Protein backbone atom coordinates (compact mmCIF):
# COMPACT_ATOMS: atom_id res chain seq x y z
CA MET A 1 12.04 -7.95 -10.80
CA GLY A 2 11.37 -6.78 -7.22
CA TYR A 3 9.21 -8.48 -4.64
CA ARG A 4 6.33 -6.10 -5.25
CA ASP A 5 6.39 -6.60 -9.01
CA ARG A 6 6.61 -10.35 -8.58
CA PHE A 7 3.75 -10.26 -6.09
CA MET A 8 1.61 -8.20 -8.48
CA HIS A 9 2.29 -10.73 -11.25
CA GLU A 10 1.29 -13.62 -8.98
CA TYR A 11 -1.74 -11.72 -7.68
CA GLN A 12 -2.98 -10.90 -11.18
CA SER A 13 -2.47 -14.55 -12.12
CA ALA A 14 -4.73 -15.49 -9.15
CA ARG A 15 -2.09 -17.58 -7.38
CA VAL A 16 -1.91 -15.61 -4.14
CA ASN A 17 -4.42 -13.90 -1.87
CA LEU A 18 -3.96 -10.54 -0.19
CA THR A 19 -5.70 -9.98 3.15
CA LEU A 20 -5.64 -6.74 5.08
CA THR A 21 -5.49 -7.21 8.85
CA GLU A 22 -7.77 -5.18 11.10
CA GLU A 23 -4.79 -3.80 13.03
CA GLY A 24 -3.12 -2.75 9.79
CA TYR A 25 -6.31 -1.10 8.58
CA GLU A 26 -6.71 0.90 11.77
CA ARG A 27 -3.03 1.90 11.80
CA TYR A 28 -2.95 3.38 8.28
CA ILE A 29 -6.49 4.55 7.59
CA VAL A 30 -6.00 7.59 9.80
CA ASP A 31 -3.31 8.91 7.44
CA LEU A 32 -4.88 7.82 4.16
CA TYR A 33 -8.59 8.58 4.41
CA PRO A 34 -9.19 11.96 2.75
CA ASP A 35 -10.57 14.67 5.01
CA LYS A 36 -12.78 15.83 2.15
CA LEU A 37 -14.77 12.60 2.35
CA ALA A 38 -15.30 13.02 6.09
CA ILE A 39 -16.59 16.55 5.48
CA VAL A 40 -18.96 15.26 2.80
CA ASP A 41 -20.23 12.64 5.25
CA ILE A 42 -20.87 15.29 7.92
CA LEU A 43 -22.63 17.58 5.43
CA LEU A 44 -24.78 14.71 4.20
CA HIS A 45 -25.89 13.89 7.74
CA ALA A 46 -26.55 17.56 8.53
CA THR A 47 -28.60 17.92 5.34
CA TRP A 48 -30.65 14.86 6.25
CA ILE A 49 -31.34 16.26 9.71
CA ALA A 50 -32.42 19.63 8.28
CA VAL A 51 -34.72 18.05 5.67
CA ALA A 52 -36.15 15.63 8.24
CA LEU A 53 -36.92 18.52 10.60
CA PHE A 54 -38.55 20.46 7.77
CA PHE A 55 -40.88 17.59 6.93
CA ALA A 56 -41.48 16.80 10.61
CA PHE A 57 -42.78 20.31 11.21
CA ARG A 58 -44.99 20.11 8.13
CA THR A 59 -46.54 16.74 8.86
CA SER A 60 -46.73 16.59 12.63
CA GLU A 61 -49.90 17.44 14.47
CA MET A 62 -48.02 17.84 17.74
CA SER A 63 -46.87 21.14 19.16
CA LEU A 64 -43.71 22.74 17.81
CA LEU A 65 -41.73 21.74 20.88
CA GLY A 66 -43.15 18.20 20.87
CA THR A 67 -42.29 17.74 17.21
CA LEU A 68 -38.79 19.07 17.72
CA ALA A 69 -38.20 16.83 20.74
CA THR A 70 -39.60 13.74 19.03
CA SER A 71 -37.71 14.24 15.80
CA LEU A 72 -34.35 15.31 17.27
CA GLY A 73 -34.58 12.73 20.05
CA GLY A 74 -35.28 9.99 17.55
CA MET A 75 -32.43 11.10 15.30
CA LEU A 76 -30.04 11.31 18.25
CA LEU A 77 -31.07 7.81 19.28
CA ALA A 78 -30.63 6.63 15.68
CA LEU A 79 -27.10 8.05 15.54
CA LEU A 80 -26.26 6.45 18.89
CA ILE A 81 -27.59 3.05 17.87
CA GLY A 82 -25.94 3.40 14.46
CA LYS A 83 -22.59 4.02 16.15
CA PHE A 84 -22.67 0.71 18.00
CA MET A 85 -24.94 -1.46 15.82
CA PRO A 86 -24.75 -0.40 12.18
CA LEU A 87 -26.99 -2.28 9.77
CA GLY A 88 -24.49 -2.74 6.97
CA LEU A 89 -24.58 -1.76 3.33
CA LEU A 90 -27.72 -3.57 2.18
CA LEU A 91 -29.95 -3.11 5.23
CA GLY A 92 -28.65 0.42 5.75
CA GLY A 93 -29.55 1.25 2.16
CA ALA A 94 -33.00 -0.26 2.67
CA ALA A 95 -33.58 1.79 5.85
CA LEU A 96 -32.40 4.92 4.06
CA PHE A 97 -34.77 4.23 1.17
CA LEU A 98 -37.64 3.61 3.58
CA GLY A 99 -36.84 6.87 5.34
CA ILE A 100 -36.74 8.79 2.04
CA VAL A 101 -40.07 7.37 0.92
CA ALA A 102 -41.84 7.96 4.25
CA LEU A 103 -40.20 11.31 5.09
CA PRO A 104 -42.95 13.55 3.72
CA TYR A 105 -45.63 11.55 5.54
CA HIS A 106 -44.38 10.61 9.01
CA VAL A 107 -42.19 12.08 11.76
CA VAL A 108 -40.49 8.75 12.52
CA ALA A 109 -39.11 8.55 8.97
CA GLY A 110 -36.37 11.04 9.86
CA PRO A 111 -34.74 8.82 12.48
CA ILE A 112 -35.19 5.66 10.39
CA GLY A 113 -33.60 7.31 7.36
CA LEU A 114 -30.78 8.74 9.46
CA TYR A 115 -30.07 5.32 10.94
CA GLY A 116 -29.94 3.90 7.43
CA LEU A 117 -27.78 6.76 6.16
CA ASN A 118 -25.38 6.36 9.07
CA SER A 119 -25.09 2.58 8.56
CA PHE A 120 -24.75 2.85 4.79
CA SER A 121 -22.16 5.60 5.08
CA LYS A 122 -20.06 3.69 7.63
CA ARG A 123 -19.97 0.53 5.55
CA LEU A 124 -19.18 2.42 2.37
CA SER A 125 -16.38 4.42 3.98
CA LYS A 126 -14.87 1.27 5.54
CA TRP A 127 -14.96 -0.51 2.20
CA TYR A 128 -13.34 2.47 0.49
CA GLY A 129 -10.82 2.83 3.32
CA ARG A 130 -9.79 -0.82 3.10
CA ASP A 131 -9.23 -0.40 -0.62
CA LEU A 132 -7.11 2.70 0.04
CA VAL A 133 -4.90 0.91 2.57
CA LYS A 134 -4.44 -2.11 0.27
CA ARG A 135 -3.44 0.16 -2.62
CA TRP A 136 -1.03 2.02 -0.36
CA CYS A 137 0.54 -1.26 0.80
CA VAL A 138 1.40 -2.28 -2.75
CA GLY A 139 2.25 1.26 -3.88
CA SER A 140 6.01 0.77 -3.84
CA GLU A 141 8.59 -1.89 -3.07
CA GLU A 142 9.43 -0.37 0.31
CA GLN A 143 5.78 -0.02 1.35
CA PHE A 144 5.03 -3.58 0.26
CA LEU A 145 7.92 -5.07 2.24
CA ARG A 146 7.06 -2.93 5.25
CA ALA A 147 3.40 -3.94 5.11
CA VAL A 148 4.32 -7.62 4.94
CA ALA A 149 6.88 -7.30 7.75
CA GLU A 150 4.44 -5.43 10.01
CA ARG A 151 1.66 -7.88 9.12
CA THR A 152 -0.50 -5.07 7.83
CA ILE A 153 -1.23 -7.38 4.94
CA VAL A 154 -1.02 -11.16 4.84
CA VAL A 155 -0.12 -12.83 1.58
CA THR A 156 -1.11 -16.48 1.24
CA ALA A 157 -0.86 -19.00 -1.53
CA ASN A 158 -4.14 -20.29 -2.84
CA ARG A 159 -4.99 -23.58 -4.52
CA TYR A 160 -3.76 -22.33 -7.90
CA ALA A 161 -0.27 -21.55 -6.61
CA THR A 162 2.62 -23.28 -8.34
CA GLU A 163 5.87 -24.43 -6.77
CA ASP A 164 7.47 -21.30 -8.18
CA THR A 165 4.87 -19.21 -6.36
CA ARG A 166 5.53 -21.02 -3.09
CA LEU A 167 9.25 -20.52 -3.54
CA PHE A 168 8.66 -16.80 -4.08
CA LEU A 169 6.61 -16.60 -0.88
CA GLU A 170 9.39 -18.30 1.07
CA GLN A 171 11.90 -15.83 -0.35
CA LEU A 172 9.58 -12.99 0.61
CA THR A 173 9.44 -14.36 4.14
CA GLU A 174 13.21 -14.36 4.36
CA ALA A 175 13.39 -10.86 2.86
CA VAL A 176 11.19 -9.35 5.54
CA GLY A 177 13.11 -11.12 8.28
CA ARG A 178 10.51 -13.61 9.39
CA GLY A 179 11.63 -17.15 9.98
CA GLU A 180 8.12 -18.48 10.52
CA ARG A 181 6.21 -20.11 7.72
CA GLN A 182 3.22 -17.85 7.20
CA TRP A 183 2.60 -18.72 3.57
CA ASP A 184 0.45 -21.79 4.14
CA GLU A 185 -2.30 -22.55 1.70
CA ALA A 186 -5.43 -20.53 2.28
């Protein structure tokens, strides 16, 4: 049984924890995240902007230019704020829902909904991306050992670990060429 297979057995038995490091995530997500999903994200944002502009023109009592400036300016500001201060999955979903509900009635709903969509989308893609990188790291024996050696993933024993599990983690440490004891209890 290889290190990866043994790890998977211990992981499924809930004796070890697998943590993806931020550096490891950023290193491998570029190669693993499907371009199709990025295109879907861009199309979703573009669709929201088009629908928001449609409703803004229908509901606004301002001039055409004023409505366009208010709506696009608000959405640009929402994208900018969303880039640096995303709301997260739950609050982003709530802002998106609020934007959807208010879109036919108010010009400001477009930017609010876009901010929520941007936040929701970012959190969802990061969650999915982390899952992709973790699955890649345990995809094969070579990838698993490389990920452990590069500290892309950190494997720790938890409170349910047996002496056999701790011995395996020490052997894994030696196999990847690390003399330090990184397998302390989580």
